[in-house]
Structure formats: C-alpha cells, structure tokens
Amino acid sequence: MSFQDDVAVAAQEGTVGVVWLIGDDLKCYYQYGDWAVDPTIPFNAWKNQTQNVDFGGGLKFTVITMTPERLCTTNLGGQGHIMVARCPHWAGCVITWSPSTVENRIAYATAAKLAAKVA
C-alpha cells in the first residue's frame, strides 16, 4: 500500500485524525484532515528540542518523549496527541494528531509506520 492508502486506513481505524508531511524546508507536502493549526509548530519544537508545543489560544501539548527521531506529546486537557516521526528515507517528518482515546504508544507507532512509507 502507498503512504496515502496507509493514512486512509489509519484514519478509518480512528488512530489519526490529521496527518501532515512536512519537509525539512518547512513546506507542507501532504495533508489529510482539517485542523486550523500550524504544523510547523510541532516540527520546530522537535527540531529545537523544546519541551512543549504551544499553538496559542491555550492549546498546549506536553512533551512525553523527545529524541532525534521522534516527538511524542499529549494535551493534558484531553485534546489528543501530536506525534512527530522522522522519515528515514526522506528529509522531513510525518506529524499526526490522534484523539485522546488512542494510547500514546499506538499513536506514535502509527506515525512511525507512516514515516517509514515516505521515500
């Protein structure tokens, strides 16, 4: 299956609600779903190793795990999770939003699986 097919399957399963493919040049190359936030905010938080992801307006995500390959965050108010997964074969990341009903480890595993599909 293609990257887009895998995104559609993950969305149908309810594992992700929004997916962005952001290049190291900060361009958005792909988006699935609608959410009026700037996906470069979590990308830059990961790149700069910032300890929170703040979209403004009170929408903040707390960092759970940060490594050179990933950023795992959650919103303590129940607004879900933002995951950043480094693409191993492309200069960029997959960024996902998952609802709070999805466990963090599942949300990140889905983001990492999608990132591995990007070439």
Protein backbone atom coordinates (compact mmCIF):
# COMPACT_ATOMS: atom_id res chain seq x y z
CA MET A 1 0.00 0.00 0.00
CA SER A 2 1.04 3.59 -0.54
CA PHE A 3 1.55 6.28 2.06
CA GLN A 4 -1.86 7.78 1.21
CA ASP A 5 -3.52 4.36 1.49
CA ASP A 6 -1.97 3.81 4.92
CA VAL A 7 -3.12 7.26 6.04
CA ALA A 8 -6.68 6.45 4.93
CA VAL A 9 -6.61 3.12 6.80
CA ALA A 10 -5.30 4.76 10.00
CA ALA A 11 -7.97 7.45 9.74
CA GLN A 12 -10.69 4.87 9.17
CA GLU A 13 -9.50 2.94 12.23
CA GLY A 14 -9.61 6.19 14.23
CA THR A 15 -5.90 6.12 15.07
CA VAL A 16 -5.26 9.51 13.43
CA GLY A 17 -7.46 12.45 12.59
CA VAL A 18 -4.96 14.73 10.90
CA VAL A 19 -1.69 13.95 9.12
CA TRP A 20 0.87 16.35 7.70
CA LEU A 21 4.04 15.62 5.77
CA ILE A 22 6.47 18.46 6.49
CA GLY A 23 9.83 18.75 4.75
CA ASP A 24 12.99 20.00 6.42
CA ASP A 25 12.36 23.13 4.30
CA LEU A 26 9.17 23.68 6.39
CA LYS A 27 6.90 23.14 3.38
CA CYS A 28 3.76 21.06 3.80
CA TYR A 29 3.85 18.37 1.12
CA TYR A 30 0.74 16.49 2.17
CA GLN A 31 -2.21 16.98 4.50
CA TYR A 32 -5.02 14.67 5.47
CA GLY A 33 -7.86 16.06 7.53
CA ASP A 34 -8.56 19.61 8.58
CA TRP A 35 -7.29 21.40 11.61
CA ALA A 36 -6.55 25.12 11.59
CA VAL A 37 -3.18 24.92 13.35
CA ASP A 38 0.31 25.42 12.02
CA PRO A 39 2.01 22.01 11.69
CA THR A 40 5.43 23.66 11.67
CA ILE A 41 4.97 24.43 15.39
CA PRO A 42 5.44 20.79 16.49
CA PHE A 43 8.09 20.32 13.78
CA ASN A 44 10.10 23.25 15.16
CA ALA A 45 9.56 22.07 18.75
CA TRP A 46 11.07 18.71 17.77
CA LYS A 47 13.90 20.28 15.78
CA ASN A 48 14.77 22.73 18.60
CA GLN A 49 14.13 20.16 21.37
CA THR A 50 11.53 22.43 23.03
CA GLN A 51 9.67 20.95 25.99
CA ASN A 52 6.16 21.98 24.96
CA VAL A 53 4.15 22.52 21.84
CA ASP A 54 2.12 25.73 22.12
CA PHE A 55 -0.34 26.57 19.35
CA GLY A 56 -1.54 29.68 21.21
CA GLY A 57 -5.03 30.31 22.46
CA GLY A 58 -4.45 27.95 25.38
CA LEU A 59 -3.84 24.91 23.18
CA LYS A 60 -0.63 23.37 24.56
CA PHE A 61 0.79 19.88 24.31
CA THR A 62 3.19 18.49 26.90
CA VAL A 63 6.23 16.53 25.72
CA ILE A 64 6.31 12.90 26.80
CA THR A 65 9.25 11.71 24.69
CA MET A 66 11.75 13.57 22.54
CA THR A 67 14.61 12.00 20.60
CA PRO A 68 16.32 12.81 17.28
CA GLU A 69 13.75 10.51 15.63
CA ARG A 70 10.54 11.50 17.38
CA LEU A 71 8.46 13.84 19.46
CA CYS A 72 5.52 12.45 21.42
CA THR A 73 3.18 14.92 23.08
CA THR A 74 -0.20 14.94 24.75
CA ASN A 75 -2.69 17.59 25.74
CA LEU A 76 -3.48 17.32 29.44
CA GLY A 77 -6.92 18.81 28.78
CA GLY A 78 -7.98 15.84 26.66
CA GLN A 79 -7.36 17.39 23.22
CA GLY A 80 -5.40 14.39 21.95
CA HIS A 81 -1.80 13.77 20.98
CA ILE A 82 0.62 15.29 18.49
CA MET A 83 3.34 12.98 17.18
CA VAL A 84 6.35 13.88 15.05
CA ALA A 85 8.11 10.95 13.37
CA ARG A 86 11.30 11.47 11.36
CA CYS A 87 11.13 9.96 7.87
CA PRO A 88 14.09 7.57 7.49
CA HIS A 89 14.21 7.85 3.68
CA TRP A 90 13.20 11.48 3.10
CA ALA A 91 14.25 14.86 4.54
CA GLY A 92 11.23 15.59 6.68
CA CYS A 93 8.71 14.30 9.18
CA VAL A 94 5.22 12.93 9.44
CA ILE A 95 3.20 14.83 12.02
CA THR A 96 -0.05 13.35 13.27
CA TRP A 97 -2.86 14.32 15.59
CA SER A 98 -4.63 11.46 17.33
CA PRO A 99 -7.66 11.68 19.58
CA SER A 100 -7.14 11.23 23.33
CA THR A 101 -8.90 7.85 23.16
CA VAL A 102 -5.85 6.45 21.32
CA GLU A 103 -2.95 5.39 23.55
CA ASN A 104 0.26 7.37 23.06
CA ARG A 105 2.27 4.30 22.05
CA ILE A 106 -0.30 3.40 19.39
CA ALA A 107 -0.42 6.99 18.13
CA TYR A 108 3.36 7.09 17.79
CA ALA A 109 3.58 3.63 16.21
CA THR A 110 1.12 4.79 13.56
CA ALA A 111 3.11 7.98 12.88
CA ALA A 112 6.36 5.98 12.64
CA LYS A 113 4.77 3.47 10.27
CA LEU A 114 3.60 6.30 8.03
CA ALA A 115 7.04 7.98 8.16
CA ALA A 116 8.69 4.74 7.03
CA LYS A 117 6.49 4.75 3.89
CA VAL A 118 7.76 8.12 2.68
CA ALA A 119 10.54 7.91 0.11
